[in-house]
Protein backbone atom coordinates (compact mmCIF):
# COMPACT_ATOMS: atom_id res chain seq x y z
CA UNK A 1 0.54 0.60 0.20
CA UNK A 2 1.50 3.68 -0.52
CA UNK A 3 0.04 6.90 0.46
CA UNK A 4 0.72 10.60 -0.61
CA UNK A 5 -0.20 13.49 2.00
CA UNK A 6 0.03 17.24 1.46
CA UNK A 7 -0.21 19.35 4.34
CA UNK A 8 0.13 23.38 4.29
CA UNK A 9 0.38 24.96 7.97
CA UNK A 10 0.53 29.31 9.28
CA UNK A 11 1.86 29.03 12.05
CA UNK A 12 3.13 32.92 13.77
CA UNK A 13 6.35 31.71 15.06
CA UNK A 14 7.42 28.35 13.17
CA UNK A 15 10.96 28.36 14.66
CA UNK A 16 10.05 28.85 18.38
CA UNK A 17 12.54 32.32 18.48
CA UNK A 18 11.57 34.34 21.38
CA UNK A 19 10.72 37.18 19.29
CA UNK A 20 9.27 36.18 15.96
CA UNK A 21 9.54 38.82 13.03
CA UNK A 22 6.20 37.12 12.05
CA UNK A 23 3.63 34.41 10.55
CA UNK A 24 5.50 31.48 8.47
CA UNK A 25 3.35 28.94 5.64
CA UNK A 26 5.21 26.01 5.50
CA UNK A 27 4.29 23.06 2.93
CA UNK A 28 4.74 19.22 3.52
CA UNK A 29 4.48 16.93 1.55
CA UNK A 30 5.27 12.49 2.19
CA UNK A 31 4.86 9.77 0.34
CA UNK A 32 4.83 7.21 2.09
CA UNK A 33 4.97 2.84 1.90
CA UNK A 34 4.60 -0.67 3.18
CA UNK A 35 5.13 -4.25 2.33
CA UNK A 36 3.91 -7.20 4.30
CA UNK A 37 5.36 -10.48 3.10
CA UNK A 38 3.78 -13.90 5.16
CA UNK A 39 4.50 -17.66 5.88
CA UNK A 40 2.50 -19.67 8.53
CA UNK A 41 6.39 -18.84 10.34
CA UNK A 42 7.33 -15.98 9.74
CA UNK A 43 6.80 -12.12 8.65
CA UNK A 44 8.15 -9.70 6.80
CA UNK A 45 7.36 -6.04 6.92
CA UNK A 46 9.28 -3.13 4.96
CA UNK A 47 7.99 0.49 5.19
CA UNK A 48 9.39 3.61 3.87
CA UNK A 49 8.70 7.50 3.48
CA UNK A 50 10.32 10.39 1.55
CA UNK A 51 8.92 13.58 1.22
CA UNK A 52 9.89 17.24 1.44
CA UNK A 53 8.94 20.67 3.11
CA UNK A 54 8.65 24.31 2.33
CA UNK A 55 8.99 26.85 4.46
CA UNK A 56 7.62 30.39 2.99
CA UNK A 57 7.22 34.54 4.35
CA UNK A 58 8.50 36.53 6.80
CA UNK A 59 8.79 34.09 9.84
CA UNK A 60 11.95 32.89 7.82
CA UNK A 61 14.14 35.59 8.05
CA UNK A 62 17.53 35.06 9.69
CA UNK A 63 16.99 30.95 9.28
CA UNK A 64 19.65 29.38 7.26
CA UNK A 65 17.83 26.70 5.59
CA UNK A 66 13.79 27.03 4.17
CA UNK A 67 13.44 23.90 1.72
CA UNK A 68 14.56 20.42 3.66
CA UNK A 69 13.91 17.02 2.43
CA UNK A 70 13.98 13.34 4.65
CA UNK A 71 14.09 9.58 3.39
CA UNK A 72 13.49 6.49 5.76
CA UNK A 73 13.44 2.56 5.29
CA UNK A 74 12.53 0.21 8.16
CA UNK A 75 12.23 -3.23 8.10
CA UNK A 76 10.74 -5.95 10.45
CA UNK A 77 11.79 -9.46 10.19
CA UNK A 78 9.84 -11.93 12.99
CA UNK A 79 9.26 -15.87 12.23
CA UNK A 80 8.00 -18.10 15.58
CA UNK A 81 8.11 -21.87 15.62
CA UNK A 82 4.57 -24.13 17.71
CA UNK A 83 4.12 -21.54 19.97
CA UNK A 84 3.33 -18.42 18.61
CA UNK A 85 5.06 -16.91 21.63
CA UNK A 86 8.46 -18.22 21.02
CA UNK A 87 10.28 -15.68 18.73
CA UNK A 88 13.22 -14.53 17.07
CA UNK A 89 13.12 -11.10 15.53
CA UNK A 90 16.33 -8.53 13.36
CA UNK A 91 14.81 -4.64 12.24
CA UNK A 92 16.66 -2.48 10.01
CA UNK A 93 16.24 1.22 9.26
CA UNK A 94 18.30 4.36 7.87
CA UNK A 95 17.23 7.85 8.35
CA UNK A 96 18.02 10.62 6.56
CA UNK A 97 16.64 14.06 7.59
CA UNK A 98 17.75 17.83 7.42
CA UNK A 99 20.21 18.64 10.10
CA UNK A 100 18.33 22.04 11.31
CA UNK A 101 14.84 20.11 11.24
CA UNK A 102 16.05 17.34 13.29
CA UNK A 103 16.72 19.91 15.74
CA UNK A 104 14.31 22.10 15.79
CA UNK A 105 12.16 19.11 16.44
CA UNK A 106 14.24 16.84 18.80
CA UNK A 107 15.36 20.09 21.17
CA UNK A 108 12.71 22.91 19.50
CA UNK A 109 16.32 24.85 18.92
CA UNK A 110 17.25 27.10 15.84
CA UNK A 111 20.37 26.01 14.27
CA UNK A 112 22.38 27.28 11.93
CA UNK A 113 24.11 24.16 10.60
CA UNK A 114 23.63 22.84 7.06
CA UNK A 115 23.50 19.20 5.68
CA UNK A 116 22.06 16.01 6.53
CA UNK A 117 21.93 13.62 9.58
CA UNK A 118 21.98 9.63 8.77
CA UNK A 119 20.33 7.01 11.18
CA UNK A 120 21.55 3.68 10.84
CA UNK A 121 20.30 1.26 13.13
CA UNK A 122 20.31 -2.66 13.42
CA UNK A 123 18.20 -4.66 16.54
CA UNK A 124 17.68 -8.04 16.89
CA UNK A 125 16.63 -10.55 19.78
CA UNK A 126 14.44 -13.17 21.18
CA UNK A 127 11.64 -13.70 23.71
CA UNK A 128 11.07 -17.66 24.83
CA UNK A 129 7.89 -19.03 26.96
CA UNK A 130 9.40 -21.05 29.95
CA UNK A 131 6.19 -22.04 31.05
CA UNK A 132 2.56 -21.24 30.50
CA UNK A 133 2.73 -18.27 32.89
CA UNK A 134 6.69 -16.88 32.81
CA UNK A 135 8.66 -14.94 28.79
CA UNK A 136 12.08 -13.96 29.09
CA UNK A 137 13.25 -11.83 26.20
CA UNK A 138 16.85 -10.52 25.39
CA UNK A 139 17.47 -7.39 22.66
CA UNK A 140 20.25 -6.40 21.31
CA UNK A 141 20.64 -2.91 18.91
CA UNK A 142 22.70 -0.34 17.98
CA UNK A 143 22.18 2.91 16.26
CA UNK A 144 25.09 5.10 14.20
CA UNK A 145 24.67 8.61 13.72
CA UNK A 146 26.57 10.38 11.32
CA UNK A 147 26.28 13.73 8.91
CA UNK A 148 26.68 14.70 6.23
CA UNK A 149 29.10 17.12 6.39
CA UNK A 150 30.75 15.30 8.46
CA UNK A 151 31.63 19.22 10.13
CA UNK A 152 28.30 19.34 10.86
CA UNK A 153 28.26 16.61 14.32
CA UNK A 154 30.13 14.49 16.02
CA UNK A 155 29.34 10.67 14.73
CA UNK A 156 28.39 8.25 17.56
CA UNK A 157 27.41 5.18 17.96
CA UNK A 158 24.54 4.01 20.43
CA UNK A 159 24.32 0.16 21.73
CA UNK A 160 21.80 -0.93 23.86
CA UNK A 161 21.35 -4.29 25.43
CA UNK A 162 18.18 -5.38 27.05
CA UNK A 163 16.78 -8.29 28.82
CA UNK A 164 13.17 -8.96 30.48
CA UNK A 165 11.31 -11.34 32.66
CA UNK A 166 8.04 -11.73 32.53
CA UNK A 167 5.16 -13.52 35.30
CA UNK A 168 1.61 -13.48 35.05
CA UNK A 169 0.20 -13.95 38.26
CA UNK A 170 -3.57 -13.31 36.96
CA UNK A 171 -5.60 -12.59 33.54
CA UNK A 172 -5.22 -8.78 35.18
CA UNK A 173 -1.47 -8.66 36.54
CA UNK A 174 2.17 -8.78 34.71
CA UNK A 175 5.49 -8.90 36.94
CA UNK A 176 7.62 -7.76 35.31
CA UNK A 177 11.35 -7.02 35.59
CA UNK A 178 13.97 -5.24 32.76
CA UNK A 179 17.86 -4.99 32.69
CA UNK A 180 18.84 -3.01 30.12
CA UNK A 181 22.55 -1.96 29.13
CA UNK A 182 23.71 1.32 26.99
CA UNK A 183 26.46 2.62 25.24
CA UNK A 184 27.26 5.26 23.64
CA UNK A 185 30.53 5.47 21.48
CA UNK A 186 31.58 9.35 19.75
CA UNK A 187 34.32 9.70 16.94
CA UNK A 188 36.46 12.19 18.82
CA UNK A 189 40.35 12.20 18.99
CA UNK A 190 40.70 11.12 21.88
CA UNK A 191 37.46 8.86 21.76
CA UNK A 192 34.58 9.44 24.11
CA UNK A 193 32.55 6.20 25.68
CA UNK A 194 29.59 7.45 28.10
């Protein structure tokens, strides 16, 4: 399946400045596609989106980038055995977006940086039923964030491992324990790890 959408927005302070120089008209065009492949013991889902945004008006005064595009693709593969709760999965994704738009959306700050932010992720894991009441799961994943041009930001890798145990006490109550380990590695000289 696929959809094409066009949205127009009028905003009196689009870029969230202390003193807005005036209103802004924004135009957003998005094309999305989704595909699913299914077998008796597995499912593959692929979703993608492609978009373009443009801003006009006095509110864009002093903004370094008034138009941008983005692209994203994500895939999820899951397989199971006779017990549908026993699963293995693998996820992969790539997203490229404007640095200006990403910083504005994530932090609410206007920046003069140019270029794109690229995020590439890979994650996999499993879930197992130990009994009718107990389930364990484990997943590990990593996301690489890069900038184009490289001077726009510091490349880093964010890796996470998560393990959990769930115990169903009754049909309305479940107890769960989760443990997570995260490692951030910044591509700096000298190398910075958290």
